[in-house]
Amino acid sequence: MGKPSKVMSLLGIAMKGRLAASGEFQTLEAVRSGKAKVVLTAGDASENTKKLFRDKCAFYQVPVFEYGRKEDLGRAIGKDLRSSVAICDEGLAAAVIAQLKQETQA
């Protein structure tokens, strides 16, 4: 990824506002508790991890997207490598989803 994407910037904002959960355990907890509004999994996460989040998010009706690499997700939220990030704010989640759709159409 060359320049920082708007999605990564939004992840950083969510983390600073304590509106994000990262890492497999915290992300799963956010999904199960109904707090997660959208989940991002890294493209280079293991197939088991991606399947776990696809299945859990489908069951709990949370949108899930594959985006970036573990390194990118971690850097965006000021942490080490992260396979998954959940955004727990309705407004930020809507902005992330809109940006993801815009980037996939470009």
PDB file of N, CA and C in Angstrom:
ATOM      1  N   MET A   1       0.846  -1.181   0.000  1.00  0.00           N
ATOM      2  CA  MET A   1       0.000   0.000   0.000  1.00  0.00           C
ATOM      3  C   MET A   1       0.887   1.237   0.000  1.00  0.00           C
ATOM      4  N   GLY A   2       0.707   2.100  -0.941  1.00  0.00           N
ATOM      5  CA  GLY A   2       1.513   3.293  -1.036  1.00  0.00           C
ATOM      6  C   GLY A   2       1.117   4.325   0.000  1.00  0.00           C
ATOM      7  N   LYS A   3       0.230   5.245  -0.380  1.00  0.00           N
ATOM      8  CA  LYS A   3      -0.195   6.273   0.580  1.00  0.00           C
ATOM      9  C   LYS A   3      -1.225   5.680   1.537  1.00  0.00           C
ATOM     10  N   PRO A   4      -1.298   6.238   2.742  1.00  0.00           N
ATOM     11  CA  PRO A   4      -2.270   5.713   3.707  1.00  0.00           C
ATOM     12  C   PRO A   4      -3.686   5.884   3.153  1.00  0.00           C
ATOM     13  N   SER A   5      -4.470   4.832   3.252  1.00  0.00           N
ATOM     14  CA  SER A   5      -5.829   4.907   2.725  1.00  0.00           C
ATOM     15  C   SER A   5      -6.751   5.525   3.756  1.00  0.00           C
ATOM     16  N   LYS A   6      -7.892   5.976   3.293  1.00  0.00           N
ATOM     17  CA  LYS A   6      -8.873   6.580   4.187  1.00  0.00           C
ATOM     18  C   LYS A   6      -9.392   5.542   5.181  1.00  0.00           C
ATOM     19  N   VAL A   7      -9.498   4.293   4.740  1.00  0.00           N
ATOM     20  CA  VAL A   7      -9.955   3.225   5.637  1.00  0.00           C
ATOM     21  C   VAL A   7      -8.998   3.095   6.815  1.00  0.00           C
ATOM     22  N   MET A   8      -7.694   3.101   6.541  1.00  0.00           N
ATOM     23  CA  MET A   8      -6.705   2.982   7.604  1.00  0.00           C
ATOM     24  C   MET A   8      -6.767   4.189   8.540  1.00  0.00           C
ATOM     25  N   SER A   9      -7.003   5.369   7.992  1.00  0.00           N
ATOM     26  CA  SER A   9      -7.141   6.571   8.817  1.00  0.00           C
ATOM     27  C   SER A   9      -8.347   6.450   9.742  1.00  0.00           C
ATOM     28  N   LEU A  10      -9.449   5.930   9.208  1.00  0.00           N
ATOM     29  CA  LEU A  10     -10.659   5.739  10.014  1.00  0.00           C
ATOM     30  C   LEU A  10     -10.434   4.711  11.119  1.00  0.00           C
ATOM     31  N   LEU A  11      -9.635   3.679  10.826  1.00  0.00           N
ATOM     32  CA  LEU A  11      -9.301   2.690  11.863  1.00  0.00           C
ATOM     33  C   LEU A  11      -8.523   3.352  12.998  1.00  0.00           C
ATOM     34  N   GLY A  12      -7.592   4.230  12.639  1.00  0.00           N
ATOM     35  CA  GLY A  12      -6.825   4.948  13.646  1.00  0.00           C
ATOM     36  C   GLY A  12      -7.708   5.824  14.512  1.00  0.00           C
ATOM     37  N   ILE A  13      -8.660   6.517  13.889  1.00  0.00           N
ATOM     38  CA  ILE A  13      -9.601   7.364  14.625  1.00  0.00           C
ATOM     39  C   ILE A  13     -10.442   6.509  15.581  1.00  0.00           C
ATOM     40  N   ALA A  14     -10.903   5.369  15.095  1.00  0.00           N
ATOM     41  CA  ALA A  14     -11.710   4.472  15.927  1.00  0.00           C
ATOM     42  C   ALA A  14     -10.907   3.989  17.128  1.00  0.00           C
ATOM     43  N   MET A  15      -9.641   3.656  16.910  1.00  0.00           N
ATOM     44  CA  MET A  15      -8.807   3.153  18.000  1.00  0.00           C
ATOM     45  C   MET A  15      -8.548   4.247  19.032  1.00  0.00           C
ATOM     46  N   LYS A  16      -8.256   5.459  18.560  1.00  0.00           N
ATOM     47  CA  LYS A  16      -7.999   6.568  19.489  1.00  0.00           C
ATOM     48  C   LYS A  16      -9.238   6.870  20.325  1.00  0.00           C
ATOM     49  N   GLY A  17     -10.408   6.723  19.720  1.00  0.00           N
ATOM     50  CA  GLY A  17     -11.658   6.982  20.435  1.00  0.00           C
ATOM     51  C   GLY A  17     -12.157   5.782  21.224  1.00  0.00           C
ATOM     52  N   ARG A  18     -11.329   4.745  21.299  1.00  0.00           N
ATOM     53  CA  ARG A  18     -11.695   3.494  21.988  1.00  0.00           C
ATOM     54  C   ARG A  18     -12.988   2.899  21.429  1.00  0.00           C
ATOM     55  N   LEU A  19     -13.128   3.002  20.120  1.00  0.00           N
ATOM     56  CA  LEU A  19     -14.314   2.488  19.430  1.00  0.00           C
ATOM     57  C   LEU A  19     -13.959   1.313  18.532  1.00  0.00           C
ATOM     58  N   ALA A  20     -12.815   0.677  18.811  1.00  0.00           N
ATOM     59  CA  ALA A  20     -12.366  -0.451  18.002  1.00  0.00           C
ATOM     60  C   ALA A  20     -11.860  -1.563  18.908  1.00  0.00           C
ATOM     61  N   ALA A  21     -11.985  -2.775  18.422  1.00  0.00           N
ATOM     62  CA  ALA A  21     -11.417  -3.942  19.092  1.00  0.00           C
ATOM     63  C   ALA A  21     -10.482  -4.595  18.092  1.00  0.00           C
ATOM     64  N   SER A  22      -9.310  -5.029  18.556  1.00  0.00           N
ATOM     65  CA  SER A  22      -8.367  -5.633  17.623  1.00  0.00           C
ATOM     66  C   SER A  22      -7.835  -6.926  18.190  1.00  0.00           C
ATOM     67  N   GLY A  23      -7.351  -7.763  17.297  1.00  0.00           N
ATOM     68  CA  GLY A  23      -6.875  -9.074  17.707  1.00  0.00           C
ATOM     69  C   GLY A  23      -8.044 -10.047  17.711  1.00  0.00           C
ATOM     70  N   GLU A  24      -7.728 -11.306  17.532  1.00  0.00           N
ATOM     71  CA  GLU A  24      -8.773 -12.313  17.357  1.00  0.00           C
ATOM     72  C   GLU A  24      -9.743 -12.371  18.544  1.00  0.00           C
ATOM     73  N   PHE A  25      -9.222 -12.424  19.766  1.00  0.00           N
ATOM     74  CA  PHE A  25     -10.081 -12.582  20.934  1.00  0.00           C
ATOM     75  C   PHE A  25     -11.007 -11.383  21.144  1.00  0.00           C
ATOM     76  N   GLN A  26     -10.440 -10.169  21.121  1.00  0.00           N
ATOM     77  CA  GLN A  26     -11.243  -8.964  21.340  1.00  0.00           C
ATOM     78  C   GLN A  26     -12.246  -8.746  20.213  1.00  0.00           C
ATOM     79  N   THR A  27     -11.845  -9.035  18.991  1.00  0.00           N
ATOM     80  CA  THR A  27     -12.755  -8.866  17.862  1.00  0.00           C
ATOM     81  C   THR A  27     -13.923  -9.841  17.971  1.00  0.00           C
ATOM     82  N   LEU A  28     -13.623 -11.094  18.292  1.00  0.00           N
ATOM     83  CA  LEU A  28     -14.693 -12.083  18.476  1.00  0.00           C
ATOM     84  C   LEU A  28     -15.637 -11.669  19.590  1.00  0.00           C
ATOM     85  N   GLU A  29     -15.096 -11.182  20.687  1.00  0.00           N
ATOM     86  CA  GLU A  29     -15.914 -10.740  21.820  1.00  0.00           C
ATOM     87  C   GLU A  29     -16.839  -9.592  21.399  1.00  0.00           C
ATOM     88  N   ALA A  30     -16.309  -8.660  20.601  1.00  0.00           N
ATOM     89  CA  ALA A  30     -17.112  -7.533  20.124  1.00  0.00           C
ATOM     90  C   ALA A  30     -18.244  -8.022  19.221  1.00  0.00           C
ATOM     91  N   VAL A  31     -17.962  -9.013  18.387  1.00  0.00           N
ATOM     92  CA  VAL A  31     -18.990  -9.563  17.500  1.00  0.00           C
ATOM     93  C   VAL A  31     -20.067 -10.263  18.328  1.00  0.00           C
ATOM     94  N   ARG A  32     -19.641 -11.124  19.246  1.00  0.00           N
ATOM     95  CA  ARG A  32     -20.597 -11.885  20.070  1.00  0.00           C
ATOM     96  C   ARG A  32     -21.469 -10.986  20.940  1.00  0.00           C
ATOM     97  N   SER A  33     -20.883  -9.908  21.460  1.00  0.00           N
ATOM     98  CA  SER A  33     -21.622  -9.035  22.370  1.00  0.00           C
ATOM     99  C   SER A  33     -22.529  -8.048  21.629  1.00  0.00           C
ATOM    100  N   GLY A  34     -22.410  -8.008  20.291  1.00  0.00           N
ATOM    101  CA  GLY A  34     -23.242  -7.104  19.507  1.00  0.00           C
ATOM    102  C   GLY A  34     -22.665  -5.707  19.377  1.00  0.00           C
ATOM    103  N   LYS A  35     -21.455  -5.498  19.878  1.00  0.00           N
ATOM    104  CA  LYS A  35     -20.833  -4.166  19.803  1.00  0.00           C
ATOM    105  C   LYS A  35     -20.244  -3.888  18.427  1.00  0.00           C
ATOM    106  N   ALA A  36     -19.735  -4.921  17.757  1.00  0.00           N
ATOM    107  CA  ALA A  36     -19.077  -4.742  16.454  1.00  0.00           C
ATOM    108  C   ALA A  36     -20.095  -4.339  15.394  1.00  0.00           C
ATOM    109  N   LYS A  37     -19.777  -3.301  14.653  1.00  0.00           N
ATOM    110  CA  LYS A  37     -20.646  -2.841  13.558  1.00  0.00           C
ATOM    111  C   LYS A  37     -20.081  -3.245  12.198  1.00  0.00           C
ATOM    112  N   VAL A  38     -18.757  -3.448  12.145  1.00  0.00           N
ATOM    113  CA  VAL A  38     -18.094  -3.953  10.945  1.00  0.00           C
ATOM    114  C   VAL A  38     -16.772  -4.585  11.382  1.00  0.00           C
ATOM    115  N   VAL A  39     -16.364  -5.638  10.674  1.00  0.00           N
ATOM    116  CA  VAL A  39     -15.108  -6.328  10.975  1.00  0.00           C
ATOM    117  C   VAL A  39     -14.241  -6.342   9.722  1.00  0.00           C
ATOM    118  N   LEU A  40     -12.959  -6.061   9.910  1.00  0.00           N
ATOM    119  CA  LEU A  40     -11.985  -6.165   8.821  1.00  0.00           C
ATOM    120  C   LEU A  40     -11.007  -7.273   9.171  1.00  0.00           C
ATOM    121  N   THR A  41     -10.760  -8.172   8.223  1.00  0.00           N
ATOM    122  CA  THR A  41      -9.731  -9.186   8.416  1.00  0.00           C
ATOM    123  C   THR A  41      -8.619  -8.924   7.407  1.00  0.00           C
ATOM    124  N   ALA A  42      -7.411  -9.219   7.796  1.00  0.00           N
ATOM    125  CA  ALA A  42      -6.262  -9.007   6.916  1.00  0.00           C
ATOM    126  C   ALA A  42      -6.269 -10.043   5.798  1.00  0.00           C
ATOM    127  N   GLY A  43      -5.876  -9.613   4.616  1.00  0.00           N
ATOM    128  CA  GLY A  43      -5.810 -10.522   3.475  1.00  0.00           C
ATOM    129  C   GLY A  43      -4.809 -11.640   3.669  1.00  0.00           C
ATOM    130  N   ASP A  44      -3.764 -11.385   4.479  1.00  0.00           N
ATOM    131  CA  ASP A  44      -2.752 -12.417   4.709  1.00  0.00           C
ATOM    132  C   ASP A  44      -2.974 -13.171   6.024  1.00  0.00           C
ATOM    133  N   ALA A  45      -4.168 -13.026   6.604  1.00  0.00           N
ATOM    134  CA  ALA A  45      -4.511 -13.824   7.786  1.00  0.00           C
ATOM    135  C   ALA A  45      -4.710 -15.270   7.337  1.00  0.00           C
ATOM    136  N   SER A  46      -4.625 -16.192   8.276  1.00  0.00           N
ATOM    137  CA  SER A  46      -4.791 -17.603   7.916  1.00  0.00           C
ATOM    138  C   SER A  46      -6.216 -17.856   7.420  1.00  0.00           C
ATOM    139  N   GLU A  47      -6.364 -18.890   6.601  1.00  0.00           N
ATOM    140  CA  GLU A  47      -7.696 -19.234   6.103  1.00  0.00           C
ATOM    141  C   GLU A  47      -8.646 -19.560   7.252  1.00  0.00           C
ATOM    142  N   ASN A  48      -8.120 -20.196   8.308  1.00  0.00           N
ATOM    143  CA  ASN A  48      -8.954 -20.513   9.471  1.00  0.00           C
ATOM    144  C   ASN A  48      -9.496 -19.242  10.118  1.00  0.00           C
ATOM    145  N   THR A  49      -8.642 -18.238  10.258  1.00  0.00           N
ATOM    146  CA  THR A  49      -9.059 -16.971  10.864  1.00  0.00           C
ATOM    147  C   THR A  49     -10.106 -16.289   9.999  1.00  0.00           C
ATOM    148  N   LYS A  50      -9.865 -16.236   8.691  1.00  0.00           N
ATOM    149  CA  LYS A  50     -10.823 -15.589   7.793  1.00  0.00           C
ATOM    150  C   LYS A  50     -12.171 -16.310   7.821  1.00  0.00           C
ATOM    151  N   LYS A  51     -12.137 -17.648   7.821  1.00  0.00           N
ATOM    152  CA  LYS A  51     -13.371 -18.429   7.865  1.00  0.00           C
ATOM    153  C   LYS A  51     -14.095 -18.209   9.193  1.00  0.00           C
ATOM    154  N   LEU A  52     -13.353 -18.196  10.290  1.00  0.00           N
ATOM    155  CA  LEU A  52     -13.950 -17.971  11.605  1.00  0.00           C
ATOM    156  C   LEU A  52     -14.742 -16.668  11.611  1.00  0.00           C
ATOM    157  N   PHE A  53     -14.138 -15.593  11.121  1.00  0.00           N
ATOM    158  CA  PHE A  53     -14.817 -14.304  11.136  1.00  0.00           C
ATOM    159  C   PHE A  53     -15.942 -14.228  10.112  1.00  0.00           C
ATOM    160  N   ARG A  54     -15.777 -14.858   8.953  1.00  0.00           N
ATOM    161  CA  ARG A  54     -16.886 -14.893   7.986  1.00  0.00           C
ATOM    162  C   ARG A  54     -18.095 -15.578   8.616  1.00  0.00           C
ATOM    163  N   ASP A  55     -17.850 -16.723   9.258  1.00  0.00           N
ATOM    164  CA  ASP A  55     -18.943 -17.500   9.857  1.00  0.00           C
ATOM    165  C   ASP A  55     -19.581 -16.766  11.030  1.00  0.00           C
ATOM    166  N   LYS A  56     -18.770 -16.267  11.956  1.00  0.00           N
ATOM    167  CA  LYS A  56     -19.302 -15.560  13.132  1.00  0.00           C
ATOM    168  C   LYS A  56     -20.057 -14.302  12.716  1.00  0.00           C
ATOM    169  N   CYS A  57     -19.476 -13.548  11.781  1.00  0.00           N
ATOM    170  CA  CYS A  57     -20.122 -12.311  11.353  1.00  0.00           C
ATOM    171  C   CYS A  57     -21.416 -12.593  10.602  1.00  0.00           C
ATOM    172  N   ALA A  58     -21.460 -13.680   9.844  1.00  0.00           N
ATOM    173  CA  ALA A  58     -22.695 -14.051   9.156  1.00  0.00           C
ATOM    174  C   ALA A  58     -23.769 -14.393  10.192  1.00  0.00           C
ATOM    175  N   PHE A  59     -23.389 -15.159  11.206  1.00  0.00           N
ATOM    176  CA  PHE A  59     -24.342 -15.572  12.239  1.00  0.00           C
ATOM    177  C   PHE A  59     -24.879 -14.367  13.013  1.00  0.00           C
ATOM    178  N   TYR A  60     -23.982 -13.440  13.383  1.00  0.00           N
ATOM    179  CA  TYR A  60     -24.384 -12.275  14.171  1.00  0.00           C
ATOM    180  C   TYR A  60     -24.774 -11.077  13.303  1.00  0.00           C
ATOM    181  N   GLN A  61     -24.808 -11.276  11.998  1.00  0.00           N
ATOM    182  CA  GLN A  61     -25.215 -10.255  11.024  1.00  0.00           C
ATOM    183  C   GLN A  61     -24.365  -8.978  11.132  1.00  0.00           C
ATOM    184  N   VAL A  62     -23.055  -9.178  11.101  1.00  0.00           N
ATOM    185  CA  VAL A  62     -22.094  -8.075  11.119  1.00  0.00           C
ATOM    186  C   VAL A  62     -21.364  -8.098   9.777  1.00  0.00           C
ATOM    187  N   PRO A  63     -21.310  -6.965   9.064  1.00  0.00           N
ATOM    188  CA  PRO A  63     -20.573  -6.952   7.795  1.00  0.00           C
ATOM    189  C   PRO A  63     -19.092  -7.258   8.037  1.00  0.00           C
ATOM    190  N   VAL A  64     -18.512  -8.067   7.162  1.00  0.00           N
ATOM    191  CA  VAL A  64     -17.095  -8.407   7.290  1.00  0.00           C
ATOM    192  C   VAL A  64     -16.418  -8.215   5.939  1.00  0.00           C
ATOM    193  N   PHE A  65     -15.223  -7.623   5.956  1.00  0.00           N
ATOM    194  CA  PHE A  65     -14.472  -7.359   4.739  1.00  0.00           C
ATOM    195  C   PHE A  65     -13.027  -7.808   4.922  1.00  0.00           C
ATOM    196  N   GLU A  66     -12.439  -8.246   3.827  1.00  0.00           N
ATOM    197  CA  GLU A  66     -11.013  -8.561   3.817  1.00  0.00           C
ATOM    198  C   GLU A  66     -10.308  -7.323   3.288  1.00  0.00           C
ATOM    199  N   TYR A  67      -9.334  -6.820   4.067  1.00  0.00           N
ATOM    200  CA  TYR A  67      -8.695  -5.566   3.662  1.00  0.00           C
ATOM    201  C   TYR A  67      -7.266  -5.495   4.178  1.00  0.00           C
ATOM    202  N   GLY A  68      -6.357  -5.104   3.334  1.00  0.00           N
ATOM    203  CA  GLY A  68      -4.975  -4.869   3.730  1.00  0.00           C
ATOM    204  C   GLY A  68      -4.253  -6.125   4.199  1.00  0.00           C
ATOM    205  N   ARG A  69      -3.112  -5.882   4.856  1.00  0.00           N
ATOM    206  CA  ARG A  69      -2.313  -6.968   5.418  1.00  0.00           C
ATOM    207  C   ARG A  69      -2.269  -6.792   6.931  1.00  0.00           C
ATOM    208  N   LYS A  70      -1.807  -7.829   7.617  1.00  0.00           N
ATOM    209  CA  LYS A  70      -1.725  -7.764   9.082  1.00  0.00           C
ATOM    210  C   LYS A  70      -0.898  -6.562   9.530  1.00  0.00           C
ATOM    211  N   GLU A  71       0.204  -6.345   8.828  1.00  0.00           N
ATOM    212  CA  GLU A  71       1.093  -5.228   9.143  1.00  0.00           C
ATOM    213  C   GLU A  71       0.363  -3.886   9.001  1.00  0.00           C
ATOM    214  N   ASP A  72      -0.432  -3.745   7.923  1.00  0.00           N
ATOM    215  CA  ASP A  72      -1.162  -2.498   7.667  1.00  0.00           C
ATOM    216  C   ASP A  72      -2.220  -2.235   8.741  1.00  0.00           C
ATOM    217  N   LEU A  73      -2.991  -3.274   9.083  1.00  0.00           N
ATOM    218  CA  LEU A  73      -4.026  -3.116  10.106  1.00  0.00           C
ATOM    219  C   LEU A  73      -3.398  -2.745  11.441  1.00  0.00           C
ATOM    220  N   GLY A  74      -2.307  -3.413  11.791  1.00  0.00           N
ATOM    221  CA  GLY A  74      -1.624  -3.105  13.040  1.00  0.00           C
ATOM    222  C   GLY A  74      -1.096  -1.682  13.081  1.00  0.00           C
ATOM    223  N   ARG A  75      -0.460  -1.279  11.996  1.00  0.00           N
ATOM    224  CA  ARG A  75       0.107   0.073  11.939  1.00  0.00           C
ATOM    225  C   ARG A  75      -0.995   1.125  12.031  1.00  0.00           C
ATOM    226  N   ALA A  76      -2.126   0.876  11.394  1.00  0.00           N
ATOM    227  CA  ALA A  76      -3.227   1.842  11.383  1.00  0.00           C
ATOM    228  C   ALA A  76      -3.758   2.118  12.790  1.00  0.00           C
ATOM    229  N   ILE A  77      -3.691   1.106  13.656  1.00  0.00           N
ATOM    230  CA  ILE A  77      -4.226   1.284  15.007  1.00  0.00           C
ATOM    231  C   ILE A  77      -3.126   1.429  16.056  1.00  0.00           C
ATOM    232  N   GLY A  78      -1.883   1.561  15.602  1.00  0.00           N
ATOM    233  CA  GLY A  78      -0.775   1.778  16.519  1.00  0.00           C
ATOM    234  C   GLY A  78      -0.357   0.545  17.302  1.00  0.00           C
ATOM    235  N   LYS A  79      -0.538  -0.628  16.719  1.00  0.00           N
ATOM    236  CA  LYS A  79      -0.182  -1.879  17.390  1.00  0.00           C
ATOM    237  C   LYS A  79       0.735  -2.695  16.481  1.00  0.00           C
ATOM    238  N   ASP A  80       1.081  -3.906  16.965  1.00  0.00           N
ATOM    239  CA  ASP A  80       1.834  -4.832  16.132  1.00  0.00           C
ATOM    240  C   ASP A  80       0.890  -5.447  15.106  1.00  0.00           C
ATOM    241  N   LEU A  81       1.297  -6.551  14.511  1.00  0.00           N
ATOM    242  CA  LEU A  81       0.469  -7.221  13.508  1.00  0.00           C
ATOM    243  C   LEU A  81      -0.918  -7.530  14.066  1.00  0.00           C
ATOM    244  N   ARG A  82      -1.940  -7.292  13.267  1.00  0.00           N
ATOM    245  CA  ARG A  82      -3.314  -7.604  13.654  1.00  0.00           C
ATOM    246  C   ARG A  82      -4.023  -8.293  12.489  1.00  0.00           C
ATOM    247  N   SER A  83      -4.629  -9.451  12.781  1.00  0.00           N
ATOM    248  CA  SER A  83      -5.364 -10.185  11.748  1.00  0.00           C
ATOM    249  C   SER A  83      -6.781  -9.668  11.589  1.00  0.00           C
ATOM    250  N   SER A  84      -7.295  -9.048  12.645  1.00  0.00           N
ATOM    251  CA  SER A  84      -8.685  -8.590  12.600  1.00  0.00           C
ATOM    252  C   SER A  84      -8.884  -7.340  13.443  1.00  0.00           C
ATOM    253  N   VAL A  85      -9.814  -6.506  12.988  1.00  0.00           N
ATOM    254  CA  VAL A  85     -10.200  -5.295  13.712  1.00  0.00           C
ATOM    255  C   VAL A  85     -11.707  -5.145  13.593  1.00  0.00           C
ATOM    256  N   ALA A  86     -12.365  -4.852  14.716  1.00  0.00           N
ATOM    257  CA  ALA A  86     -13.798  -4.574  14.708  1.00  0.00           C
ATOM    258  C   ALA A  86     -14.001  -3.106  15.050  1.00  0.00           C
ATOM    259  N   ILE A  87     -14.901  -2.452  14.340  1.00  0.00           N
ATOM    260  CA  ILE A  87     -15.255  -1.072  14.666  1.00  0.00           C
ATOM    261  C   ILE A  87     -16.610  -1.117  15.362  1.00  0.00           C
ATOM    262  N   CYS A  88     -16.677  -0.472  16.522  1.00  0.00           N
ATOM    263  CA  CYS A  88     -17.859  -0.572  17.388  1.00  0.00           C
ATOM    264  C   CYS A  88     -18.695   0.703  17.406  1.00  0.00           C
ATOM    265  N   ASP A  89     -18.512   1.559  16.419  1.00  0.00           N
ATOM    266  CA  ASP A  89     -19.286   2.794  16.329  1.00  0.00           C
ATOM    267  C   ASP A  89     -20.030   2.803  14.996  1.00  0.00           C
ATOM    268  N   GLU A  90     -21.328   3.051  15.067  1.00  0.00           N
ATOM    269  CA  GLU A  90     -22.188   3.018  13.876  1.00  0.00           C
ATOM    270  C   GLU A  90     -21.708   3.981  12.784  1.00  0.00           C
ATOM    271  N   GLY A  91     -21.393   5.215  13.160  1.00  0.00           N
ATOM    272  CA  GLY A  91     -20.976   6.227  12.188  1.00  0.00           C
ATOM    273  C   GLY A  91     -19.649   5.899  11.521  1.00  0.00           C
ATOM    274  N   LEU A  92     -18.671   5.516  12.327  1.00  0.00           N
ATOM    275  CA  LEU A  92     -17.362   5.152  11.768  1.00  0.00           C
ATOM    276  C   LEU A  92     -17.480   3.899  10.901  1.00  0.00           C
ATOM    277  N   ALA A  93     -18.294   2.947  11.340  1.00  0.00           N
ATOM    278  CA  ALA A  93     -18.482   1.723  10.555  1.00  0.00           C
ATOM    279  C   ALA A  93     -19.086   2.053   9.192  1.00  0.00           C
ATOM    280  N   ALA A  94     -20.073   2.939   9.176  1.00  0.00           N
ATOM    281  CA  ALA A  94     -20.700   3.335   7.912  1.00  0.00           C
ATOM    282  C   ALA A  94     -19.691   4.020   7.001  1.00  0.00           C
ATOM    283  N   ALA A  95     -18.830   4.856   7.586  1.00  0.00           N
ATOM    284  CA  ALA A  95     -17.799   5.542   6.793  1.00  0.00           C
ATOM    285  C   ALA A  95     -16.807   4.541   6.217  1.00  0.00           C
ATOM    286  N   VAL A  96     -16.408   3.556   7.014  1.00  0.00           N
ATOM    287  CA  VAL A  96     -15.467   2.532   6.541  1.00  0.00           C
ATOM    288  C   VAL A  96     -16.094   1.727   5.403  1.00  0.00           C
ATOM    289  N   ILE A  97     -17.341   1.305   5.577  1.00  0.00           N
ATOM    290  CA  ILE A  97     -18.020   0.512   4.542  1.00  0.00           C
ATOM    291  C   ILE A  97     -18.145   1.319   3.252  1.00  0.00           C
ATOM    292  N   ALA A  98     -18.526   2.590   3.374  1.00  0.00           N
ATOM    293  CA  ALA A  98     -18.649   3.452   2.184  1.00  0.00           C
ATOM    294  C   ALA A  98     -17.306   3.590   1.485  1.00  0.00           C
ATOM    295  N   GLN A  99     -16.238   3.765   2.247  1.00  0.00           N
ATOM    296  CA  GLN A  99     -14.901   3.918   1.668  1.00  0.00           C
ATOM    297  C   GLN A  99     -14.441   2.621   1.011  1.00  0.00           C
ATOM    298  N   LEU A 100     -14.718   1.494   1.637  1.00  0.00           N
ATOM    299  CA  LEU A 100     -14.353   0.188   1.056  1.00  0.00           C
ATOM    300  C   LEU A 100     -15.055  -0.016  -0.280  1.00  0.00           C
ATOM    301  N   LYS A 101     -16.323   0.328  -0.330  1.00  0.00           N
ATOM    302  CA  LYS A 101     -17.088   0.179  -1.582  1.00  0.00           C
ATOM    303  C   LYS A 101     -16.531   1.094  -2.656  1.00  0.00           C
ATOM    304  N   GLN A 102     -16.168   2.309  -2.248  1.00  0.00           N
ATOM    305  CA  GLN A 102     -15.603   3.283  -3.194  1.00  0.00           C
ATOM    306  C   GLN A 102     -14.257   2.786  -3.730  1.00  0.00           C
ATOM    307  N   GLU A 103     -13.426   2.226  -2.859  1.00  0.00           N
ATOM    308  CA  GLU A 103     -12.109   1.739  -3.285  1.00  0.00           C
ATOM    309  C   GLU A 103     -12.221   0.516  -4.201  1.00  0.00           C
ATOM    310  N   THR A 104     -13.218  -0.341  -3.965  1.00  0.00           N
ATOM    311  CA  THR A 104     -13.359  -1.514  -4.818  1.00  0.00           C
ATOM    312  C   THR A 104     -13.919  -1.157  -6.192  1.00  0.00           C
ATOM    313  N   GLN A 105     -14.625  -0.027  -6.276  1.00  0.00           N
ATOM    314  CA  GLN A 105     -15.153   0.420  -7.572  1.00  0.00           C
ATOM    315  C   GLN A 105     -14.111   1.164  -8.383  1.00  0.00           C
ATOM    316  N   ALA A 106     -13.113   1.712  -7.705  1.00  0.00           N
ATOM    317  CA  ALA A 106     -12.089   2.523  -8.388  1.00  0.00           C
ATOM    318  C   ALA A 106     -11.186   1.675  -9.247  1.00  0.00           C
TER     319      ALA A 106
END
